[in-house]
Amino acid sequence: MIHAFQVQDAVRYGLNAAVILNNFKYWIAKNKADGRNHHDGRFWTYSTVKALTALFPYLTKNQVEYAIKGLVDKGVLIEGNYNKAAYDRTKWYALADETQLMVHNPESISQDSEYHFGNFRNGSSNIPKPIPDSKPDNKTDNGQFDEFWNNYPRKEKKKMAQILFNKLSQENKIKAINDCKIRYVNKERQYIPHPTTYLNGEAWNDEIISYNGSNNSAPIMPPAHKRPWI
């Protein structure tokens, strides 16, 4: 297996920290490109010391802990916890300065001339992809749906709404999350569709209709004796 690091990071923070940091940079950049794991204005990746020790077998648990602590203490990494379960101790990591992220396609990281690659096995010139996240990114859809659900003002048929939400493209998920925060502000519950109706109809593409000069007020009904349908 070939592991990569950025030479300037190795000079600044040490070789062990540079290898771990390179892996974090890759996955944070990929999550940013995919619009995943975005919390508190930053993009994150996550792992445990045990998993990182398995991924980097030439590093001990203490070396991994020391390297990460050094990166946090020096203000390179920020630690967080966005796990849904209280017992989940998986740590999340973001870059304090996201300008460090690769500006090109993360899949082509091995072609960046600023990166140094060492062959630890058989002298092969084939450059594999960087080491993947230690856990699958199955938190992504749940996390985004939770954000949608928390912001949608009408809470009904949650299970079906989640199924419909998870079928959306990443672009439409983000549109739905942003749109539902403003579309129904101050509207009475009776004028707010079920979340399943909203998702099925892709209502984020609809015009926000203005009633009585306000985008957020309910329609004004005429007096009963003037209603043509009575």
C-alpha atoms as a PDB file:
ATOM      1  CA  MET A   1       0.000   0.000   0.000  1.00  0.00           C
ATOM      2  CA  ILE A   2       1.209   3.509  -0.830  1.00  0.00           C
ATOM      3  CA  HIS A   3       0.515   6.308   1.626  1.00  0.00           C
ATOM      4  CA  ALA A   4       0.807   9.992   0.776  1.00  0.00           C
ATOM      5  CA  PHE A   5       1.628  13.199   2.580  1.00  0.00           C
ATOM      6  CA  GLN A   6       2.307  16.819   1.699  1.00  0.00           C
ATOM      7  CA  VAL A   7       5.960  17.723   2.160  1.00  0.00           C
ATOM      8  CA  GLN A   8       5.286  21.134   3.688  1.00  0.00           C
ATOM      9  CA  ASP A   9       2.967  19.509   6.254  1.00  0.00           C
ATOM     10  CA  ALA A  10       5.674  17.005   7.200  1.00  0.00           C
ATOM     11  CA  VAL A  11       8.131  19.863   7.739  1.00  0.00           C
ATOM     12  CA  ARG A  12       5.684  21.844   9.864  1.00  0.00           C
ATOM     13  CA  TYR A  13       3.960  19.130  11.891  1.00  0.00           C
ATOM     14  CA  GLY A  14       6.022  15.949  11.559  1.00  0.00           C
ATOM     15  CA  LEU A  15       5.726  12.961   9.256  1.00  0.00           C
ATOM     16  CA  ASN A  16       3.090  11.069  11.245  1.00  0.00           C
ATOM     17  CA  ALA A  17       0.834  14.098  11.496  1.00  0.00           C
ATOM     18  CA  ALA A  18       1.318  14.873   7.789  1.00  0.00           C
ATOM     19  CA  VAL A  19       0.149  11.397   6.744  1.00  0.00           C
ATOM     20  CA  ILE A  20      -2.973  11.595   8.927  1.00  0.00           C
ATOM     21  CA  LEU A  21      -3.682  15.184   7.909  1.00  0.00           C
ATOM     22  CA  ASN A  22      -3.462  14.272   4.227  1.00  0.00           C
ATOM     23  CA  ASN A  23      -6.109  11.613   4.708  1.00  0.00           C
ATOM     24  CA  PHE A  24      -8.381  14.071   6.520  1.00  0.00           C
ATOM     25  CA  LYS A  25      -7.860  16.699   3.811  1.00  0.00           C
ATOM     26  CA  TYR A  26      -8.869  14.242   1.133  1.00  0.00           C
ATOM     27  CA  TRP A  27     -12.136  13.243   2.784  1.00  0.00           C
ATOM     28  CA  ILE A  28     -13.074  16.749   3.875  1.00  0.00           C
ATOM     29  CA  ALA A  29     -12.532  17.932   0.287  1.00  0.00           C
ATOM     30  CA  LYS A  30     -14.589  15.046  -1.050  1.00  0.00           C
ATOM     31  CA  ASN A  31     -17.399  15.685   1.426  1.00  0.00           C
ATOM     32  CA  LYS A  32     -17.354  19.354   0.452  1.00  0.00           C
ATOM     33  CA  ALA A  33     -17.601  18.456  -3.230  1.00  0.00           C
ATOM     34  CA  ASP A  34     -20.511  16.116  -2.450  1.00  0.00           C
ATOM     35  CA  GLY A  35     -22.198  18.554  -0.072  1.00  0.00           C
ATOM     36  CA  ARG A  36     -22.002  16.086   2.815  1.00  0.00           C
ATOM     37  CA  ASN A  37     -21.196  16.335   6.530  1.00  0.00           C
ATOM     38  CA  HIS A  38     -21.686  20.104   6.709  1.00  0.00           C
ATOM     39  CA  HIS A  39     -22.155  21.381  10.250  1.00  0.00           C
ATOM     40  CA  ASP A  40     -21.715  24.803  11.810  1.00  0.00           C
ATOM     41  CA  GLY A  41     -20.343  26.307   8.627  1.00  0.00           C
ATOM     42  CA  ARG A  42     -17.659  23.658   8.021  1.00  0.00           C
ATOM     43  CA  PHE A  43     -17.244  20.330   6.264  1.00  0.00           C
ATOM     44  CA  TRP A  44     -16.159  17.382   8.406  1.00  0.00           C
ATOM     45  CA  THR A  45     -14.865  13.834   8.315  1.00  0.00           C
ATOM     46  CA  TYR A  46     -14.783  11.380  11.201  1.00  0.00           C
ATOM     47  CA  SER A  47     -12.754   8.518  12.613  1.00  0.00           C
ATOM     48  CA  THR A  48     -11.544   6.809  15.791  1.00  0.00           C
ATOM     49  CA  VAL A  49      -7.976   6.338  16.979  1.00  0.00           C
ATOM     50  CA  LYS A  50      -8.476   2.570  16.778  1.00  0.00           C
ATOM     51  CA  ALA A  51      -9.565   2.793  13.150  1.00  0.00           C
ATOM     52  CA  LEU A  52      -6.705   5.111  12.224  1.00  0.00           C
ATOM     53  CA  THR A  53      -4.212   2.758  13.859  1.00  0.00           C
ATOM     54  CA  ALA A  54      -5.593  -0.053  11.706  1.00  0.00           C
ATOM     55  CA  LEU A  55      -5.374   2.122   8.587  1.00  0.00           C
ATOM     56  CA  PHE A  56      -1.796   3.152   9.359  1.00  0.00           C
ATOM     57  CA  PRO A  57      -0.257  -0.091  10.708  1.00  0.00           C
ATOM     58  CA  TYR A  58       3.187   1.481  11.070  1.00  0.00           C
ATOM     59  CA  LEU A  59       1.802   3.941  13.648  1.00  0.00           C
ATOM     60  CA  THR A  60       1.012   3.003  17.223  1.00  0.00           C
ATOM     61  CA  LYS A  61      -2.095   4.162  19.070  1.00  0.00           C
ATOM     62  CA  ASN A  62       0.012   6.649  21.029  1.00  0.00           C
ATOM     63  CA  GLN A  63       1.589   8.010  17.848  1.00  0.00           C
ATOM     64  CA  VAL A  64      -1.831   8.552  16.266  1.00  0.00           C
ATOM     65  CA  GLU A  65      -3.159  10.259  19.391  1.00  0.00           C
ATOM     66  CA  TYR A  66      -0.053  12.435  19.695  1.00  0.00           C
ATOM     67  CA  ALA A  67      -0.170  13.433  16.014  1.00  0.00           C
ATOM     68  CA  ILE A  68      -3.857  14.423  16.137  1.00  0.00           C
ATOM     69  CA  LYS A  69      -3.450  16.267  19.448  1.00  0.00           C
ATOM     70  CA  GLY A  70      -0.560  18.216  17.945  1.00  0.00           C
ATOM     71  CA  LEU A  71      -2.648  19.203  14.921  1.00  0.00           C
ATOM     72  CA  VAL A  72      -5.501  20.324  17.168  1.00  0.00           C
ATOM     73  CA  ASP A  73      -3.222  22.212  19.563  1.00  0.00           C
ATOM     74  CA  LYS A  74      -1.565  24.002  16.647  1.00  0.00           C
ATOM     75  CA  GLY A  75      -4.923  25.103  15.291  1.00  0.00           C
ATOM     76  CA  VAL A  76      -4.758  22.992  12.132  1.00  0.00           C
ATOM     77  CA  LEU A  77      -7.661  20.681  12.982  1.00  0.00           C
ATOM     78  CA  ILE A  78     -10.887  21.297  14.891  1.00  0.00           C
ATOM     79  CA  GLU A  79     -12.530  18.467  16.792  1.00  0.00           C
ATOM     80  CA  GLY A  80     -16.291  18.041  16.961  1.00  0.00           C
ATOM     81  CA  ASN A  81     -19.023  15.549  17.756  1.00  0.00           C
ATOM     82  CA  TYR A  82     -22.017  15.264  15.467  1.00  0.00           C
ATOM     83  CA  ASN A  83     -22.901  11.665  16.281  1.00  0.00           C
ATOM     84  CA  LYS A  84     -26.586  10.927  16.622  1.00  0.00           C
ATOM     85  CA  ALA A  85     -26.119   8.477  19.498  1.00  0.00           C
ATOM     86  CA  ALA A  86     -24.759   9.756  22.806  1.00  0.00           C
ATOM     87  CA  TYR A  87     -22.686   6.596  23.273  1.00  0.00           C
ATOM     88  CA  ASP A  88     -20.944   7.024  19.908  1.00  0.00           C
ATOM     89  CA  ARG A  89     -17.478   8.398  20.673  1.00  0.00           C
ATOM     90  CA  THR A  90     -16.371   8.739  17.077  1.00  0.00           C
ATOM     91  CA  LYS A  91     -14.582  12.066  16.691  1.00  0.00           C
ATOM     92  CA  TRP A  92     -15.228  14.453  13.845  1.00  0.00           C
ATOM     93  CA  TYR A  93     -12.506  16.625  12.320  1.00  0.00           C
ATOM     94  CA  ALA A  94     -12.591  19.803  10.239  1.00  0.00           C
ATOM     95  CA  LEU A  95      -9.853  22.075   8.950  1.00  0.00           C
ATOM     96  CA  ALA A  96      -9.515  25.381  10.752  1.00  0.00           C
ATOM     97  CA  ASP A  97      -8.530  26.869   7.390  1.00  0.00           C
ATOM     98  CA  GLU A  98     -10.435  25.281   4.522  1.00  0.00           C
ATOM     99  CA  THR A  99      -8.253  27.026   1.948  1.00  0.00           C
ATOM    100  CA  GLN A 100      -5.884  24.111   2.579  1.00  0.00           C
ATOM    101  CA  LEU A 101      -8.286  21.848   0.724  1.00  0.00           C
ATOM    102  CA  MET A 102      -7.314  20.622  -2.703  1.00  0.00           C
ATOM    103  CA  VAL A 103      -8.882  22.787  -5.406  1.00  0.00           C
ATOM    104  CA  HIS A 104      -8.829  20.006  -7.982  1.00  0.00           C
ATOM    105  CA  ASN A 105     -10.827  16.799  -8.102  1.00  0.00           C
ATOM    106  CA  PRO A 106     -10.010  14.802  -4.947  1.00  0.00           C
ATOM    107  CA  GLU A 107      -9.896  11.625  -7.034  1.00  0.00           C
ATOM    108  CA  SER A 108      -6.784  12.967  -8.778  1.00  0.00           C
ATOM    109  CA  ILE A 109      -4.868  13.725  -5.593  1.00  0.00           C
ATOM    110  CA  SER A 110      -2.065  11.362  -6.593  1.00  0.00           C
ATOM    111  CA  GLN A 111      -1.238  13.576  -9.581  1.00  0.00           C
ATOM    112  CA  ASP A 112      -0.485  16.648  -7.463  1.00  0.00           C
ATOM    113  CA  SER A 113       3.217  17.405  -7.696  1.00  0.00           C
ATOM    114  CA  GLU A 114       3.211  18.840  -4.182  1.00  0.00           C
ATOM    115  CA  TYR A 115       2.578  15.405  -2.729  1.00  0.00           C
ATOM    116  CA  HIS A 116       5.293  12.926  -1.913  1.00  0.00           C
ATOM    117  CA  PHE A 117       4.567   9.220  -2.270  1.00  0.00           C
ATOM    118  CA  GLY A 118       6.536   6.420  -0.679  1.00  0.00           C
ATOM    119  CA  ASN A 119       6.238   2.801  -1.757  1.00  0.00           C
ATOM    120  CA  PHE A 120       6.151   0.554   1.271  1.00  0.00           C
ATOM    121  CA  ARG A 121       5.665  -2.802  -0.456  1.00  0.00           C
ATOM    122  CA  ASN A 122       6.679  -3.932  -3.900  1.00  0.00           C
ATOM    123  CA  GLY A 123       8.035  -0.979  -5.879  1.00  0.00           C
ATOM    124  CA  SER A 124       4.883  -0.663  -7.950  1.00  0.00           C
ATOM    125  CA  SER A 125       4.304   2.698  -9.622  1.00  0.00           C
ATOM    126  CA  ASN A 126       0.525   2.384  -9.350  1.00  0.00           C
ATOM    127  CA  ILE A 127      -0.857   5.071  -7.026  1.00  0.00           C
ATOM    128  CA  PRO A 128      -4.018   3.955  -5.213  1.00  0.00           C
ATOM    129  CA  LYS A 129      -6.706   6.224  -3.853  1.00  0.00           C
ATOM    130  CA  PRO A 130      -6.136   7.695  -0.398  1.00  0.00           C
ATOM    131  CA  ILE A 131      -7.263   5.696   2.603  1.00  0.00           C
ATOM    132  CA  PRO A 132     -11.054   5.876   2.968  1.00  0.00           C
ATOM    133  CA  ASP A 133     -13.111   7.036   5.924  1.00  0.00           C
ATOM    134  CA  SER A 134     -12.985   4.566   8.764  1.00  0.00           C
ATOM    135  CA  LYS A 135     -16.756   4.305   8.725  1.00  0.00           C
ATOM    136  CA  PRO A 136     -19.182   4.439   5.777  1.00  0.00           C
ATOM    137  CA  ASP A 137     -20.870   7.777   5.222  1.00  0.00           C
ATOM    138  CA  ASN A 138     -24.314   6.390   6.017  1.00  0.00           C
ATOM    139  CA  LYS A 139     -24.852   9.287   8.421  1.00  0.00           C
ATOM    140  CA  THR A 140     -25.165  11.679   5.529  1.00  0.00           C
ATOM    141  CA  ASP A 141     -28.756  11.096   4.423  1.00  0.00           C
ATOM    142  CA  ASN A 142     -29.999  10.807   8.002  1.00  0.00           C
ATOM    143  CA  GLY A 143     -28.199  13.986   8.984  1.00  0.00           C
ATOM    144  CA  GLN A 144     -29.581  15.939   6.039  1.00  0.00           C
ATOM    145  CA  PHE A 145     -33.070  14.563   6.558  1.00  0.00           C
ATOM    146  CA  ASP A 146     -32.923  15.512  10.235  1.00  0.00           C
ATOM    147  CA  GLU A 147     -32.033  19.052   9.200  1.00  0.00           C
ATOM    148  CA  PHE A 148     -34.965  19.124   6.763  1.00  0.00           C
ATOM    149  CA  TRP A 149     -37.354  17.626   9.324  1.00  0.00           C
ATOM    150  CA  ASN A 150     -36.315  20.028  12.083  1.00  0.00           C
ATOM    151  CA  ASN A 151     -36.944  23.008   9.798  1.00  0.00           C
ATOM    152  CA  TYR A 152     -40.161  21.814   8.152  1.00  0.00           C
ATOM    153  CA  PRO A 153     -43.033  23.338  10.142  1.00  0.00           C
ATOM    154  CA  ARG A 154     -45.465  20.435   9.806  1.00  0.00           C
ATOM    155  CA  LYS A 155     -44.444  17.123  11.365  1.00  0.00           C
ATOM    156  CA  GLU A 156     -46.467  14.264   9.862  1.00  0.00           C
ATOM    157  CA  LYS A 157     -45.662  10.950   8.172  1.00  0.00           C
ATOM    158  CA  LYS A 158     -41.983  11.141   9.070  1.00  0.00           C
ATOM    159  CA  LYS A 159     -41.041   7.653   7.897  1.00  0.00           C
ATOM    160  CA  MET A 160     -42.500   8.149   4.430  1.00  0.00           C
ATOM    161  CA  ALA A 161     -41.012  11.639   4.243  1.00  0.00           C
ATOM    162  CA  GLN A 162     -37.565  10.225   4.976  1.00  0.00           C
ATOM    163  CA  ILE A 163     -37.922   7.622   2.225  1.00  0.00           C
ATOM    164  CA  LEU A 164     -38.892  10.312  -0.282  1.00  0.00           C
ATOM    165  CA  PHE A 165     -36.145  12.666   0.892  1.00  0.00           C
ATOM    166  CA  ASN A 166     -33.437  10.010   0.550  1.00  0.00           C
ATOM    167  CA  LYS A 167     -34.478   9.402  -3.069  1.00  0.00           C
ATOM    168  CA  LEU A 168     -33.723  13.020  -3.988  1.00  0.00           C
ATOM    169  CA  SER A 169     -30.523  14.077  -5.685  1.00  0.00           C
ATOM    170  CA  GLN A 170     -27.973  15.826  -3.501  1.00  0.00           C
ATOM    171  CA  GLU A 171     -28.794  19.121  -5.218  1.00  0.00           C
ATOM    172  CA  ASN A 172     -32.513  18.782  -4.488  1.00  0.00           C
ATOM    173  CA  LYS A 173     -31.878  17.783  -0.877  1.00  0.00           C
ATOM    174  CA  ILE A 174     -30.032  21.032  -0.313  1.00  0.00           C
ATOM    175  CA  LYS A 175     -32.771  22.994  -2.137  1.00  0.00           C
ATOM    176  CA  ALA A 176     -35.459  21.406   0.028  1.00  0.00           C
ATOM    177  CA  ILE A 177     -33.557  22.128   3.249  1.00  0.00           C
ATOM    178  CA  ASN A 178     -33.006  25.778   2.353  1.00  0.00           C
ATOM    179  CA  ASP A 179     -36.457  26.366   0.879  1.00  0.00           C
ATOM    180  CA  CYS A 180     -38.507  24.965   3.762  1.00  0.00           C
ATOM    181  CA  LYS A 181     -36.826  27.407   6.154  1.00  0.00           C
ATOM    182  CA  ILE A 182     -38.438  30.394   4.432  1.00  0.00           C
ATOM    183  CA  ARG A 183     -41.412  29.183   2.376  1.00  0.00           C
ATOM    184  CA  TYR A 184     -43.869  28.736   5.232  1.00  0.00           C
ATOM    185  CA  VAL A 185     -42.705  31.341   7.729  1.00  0.00           C
ATOM    186  CA  ASN A 186     -45.688  32.657   9.752  1.00  0.00           C
ATOM    187  CA  LYS A 187     -48.179  30.642   7.717  1.00  0.00           C
ATOM    188  CA  GLU A 188     -51.014  28.886   9.493  1.00  0.00           C
ATOM    189  CA  ARG A 189     -50.705  25.124   9.731  1.00  0.00           C
ATOM    190  CA  GLN A 190     -53.739  24.501   7.525  1.00  0.00           C
ATOM    191  CA  TYR A 191     -51.967  26.165   4.591  1.00  0.00           C
ATOM    192  CA  ILE A 192     -48.794  24.082   4.971  1.00  0.00           C
ATOM    193  CA  PRO A 193     -48.776  20.803   2.991  1.00  0.00           C
ATOM    194  CA  HIS A 194     -47.699  17.522   4.486  1.00  0.00           C
ATOM    195  CA  PRO A 195     -43.940  17.037   4.074  1.00  0.00           C
ATOM    196  CA  THR A 196     -44.622  14.064   1.795  1.00  0.00           C
ATOM    197  CA  THR A 197     -46.703  16.302  -0.479  1.00  0.00           C
ATOM    198  CA  TYR A 198     -43.982  18.932  -0.429  1.00  0.00           C
ATOM    199  CA  LEU A 199     -41.296  16.393  -1.386  1.00  0.00           C
ATOM    200  CA  ASN A 200     -43.367  14.549  -3.996  1.00  0.00           C
ATOM    201  CA  GLY A 201     -44.225  17.802  -5.729  1.00  0.00           C
ATOM    202  CA  GLU A 202     -40.704  19.242  -5.496  1.00  0.00           C
ATOM    203  CA  ALA A 203     -42.307  22.379  -4.100  1.00  0.00           C
ATOM    204  CA  TRP A 204     -38.974  24.141  -3.718  1.00  0.00           C
ATOM    205  CA  ASN A 205     -39.262  24.873  -7.448  1.00  0.00           C
ATOM    206  CA  ASP A 206     -42.630  26.608  -7.027  1.00  0.00           C
ATOM    207  CA  GLU A 207     -43.130  30.340  -6.796  1.00  0.00           C
ATOM    208  CA  ILE A 208     -43.794  31.612  -3.297  1.00  0.00           C
ATOM    209  CA  ILE A 209     -47.236  33.131  -3.808  1.00  0.00           C
ATOM    210  CA  SER A 210     -47.903  36.512  -2.269  1.00  0.00           C
ATOM    211  CA  TYR A 211     -51.255  37.142  -0.608  1.00  0.00           C
ATOM    212  CA  ASN A 212     -52.322  40.667   0.322  1.00  0.00           C
ATOM    213  CA  GLY A 213     -48.832  42.014  -0.346  1.00  0.00           C
ATOM    214  CA  SER A 214     -47.051  39.461   1.826  1.00  0.00           C
ATOM    215  CA  ASN A 215     -45.382  36.220   0.830  1.00  0.00           C
ATOM    216  CA  ASN A 216     -46.110  34.714   4.227  1.00  0.00           C
ATOM    217  CA  SER A 217     -49.739  35.615   4.972  1.00  0.00           C
ATOM    218  CA  ALA A 218     -52.687  33.312   4.352  1.00  0.00           C
ATOM    219  CA  PRO A 219     -55.171  34.161   1.574  1.00  0.00           C
ATOM    220  CA  ILE A 220     -57.930  36.543   2.586  1.00  0.00           C
ATOM    221  CA  MET A 221     -61.378  35.059   1.990  1.00  0.00           C
ATOM    222  CA  PRO A 222     -64.188  37.362   0.803  1.00  0.00           C
ATOM    223  CA  PRO A 223     -67.351  37.655   2.903  1.00  0.00           C
ATOM    224  CA  ALA A 224     -69.707  34.706   2.521  1.00  0.00           C
ATOM    225  CA  HIS A 225     -72.385  36.688   0.631  1.00  0.00           C
ATOM    226  CA  LYS A 226     -69.791  37.707  -1.986  1.00  0.00           C
ATOM    227  CA  ARG A 227     -68.380  34.257  -2.634  1.00  0.00           C
ATOM    228  CA  PRO A 228     -69.499  33.224  -6.166  1.00  0.00           C
ATOM    229  CA  TRP A 229     -69.302  29.553  -5.333  1.00  0.00           C
ATOM    230  CA  ILE A 230     -71.939  29.755  -2.562  1.00  0.00           C
END
